[in-house]
Amino acid sequence: MRNLPWKSILAWLLAAFFVVGGIGNIFVSSEIAADYRRWGYPDWFHFITGALELSAAVLIAYRPTRLWGACLASGVMVAAAFTVLSHGEFAHAIAPLIVLAVALTVGFLAFREKASQHAGS
């Protein structure tokens, strides 16, 4: 059996997560809109979150910009985790922290790939 390109699969799964999250934040449900209000964000802030998530997805999907996408994705997840933790919603911090770990892994792998390409040139 051939080895699966797990690094690419992980990156594509992360990109897919951010596509779904971005769309979900742009076209927010009433429950998510209420969450944003409860956390003290302005009514339009979910559009910013969604745009950042979609941008991260595009950057992650394209290999030459994967490192930048992983950095952006990590920043979004740090902000999400900080938001829920600062409001005492500890159980809600689990998902952003897991996604943060995946984004950091994808970023590390992309960084290592770029470093090895530059070392070989």
Foldseek 3Di string as FASTA:
>chain_A
DDDDPVLLVLLLVLLVVLQVQLVCLCVDDPVVLVVCVVLPHDSCVSNVLSVLSNVLSVLSNDLVSNLVSLVSLLVSLVVVLCSCVVVVNNVSNPVSVVSNVSSVVSNVVSVVVVVVVVVVD
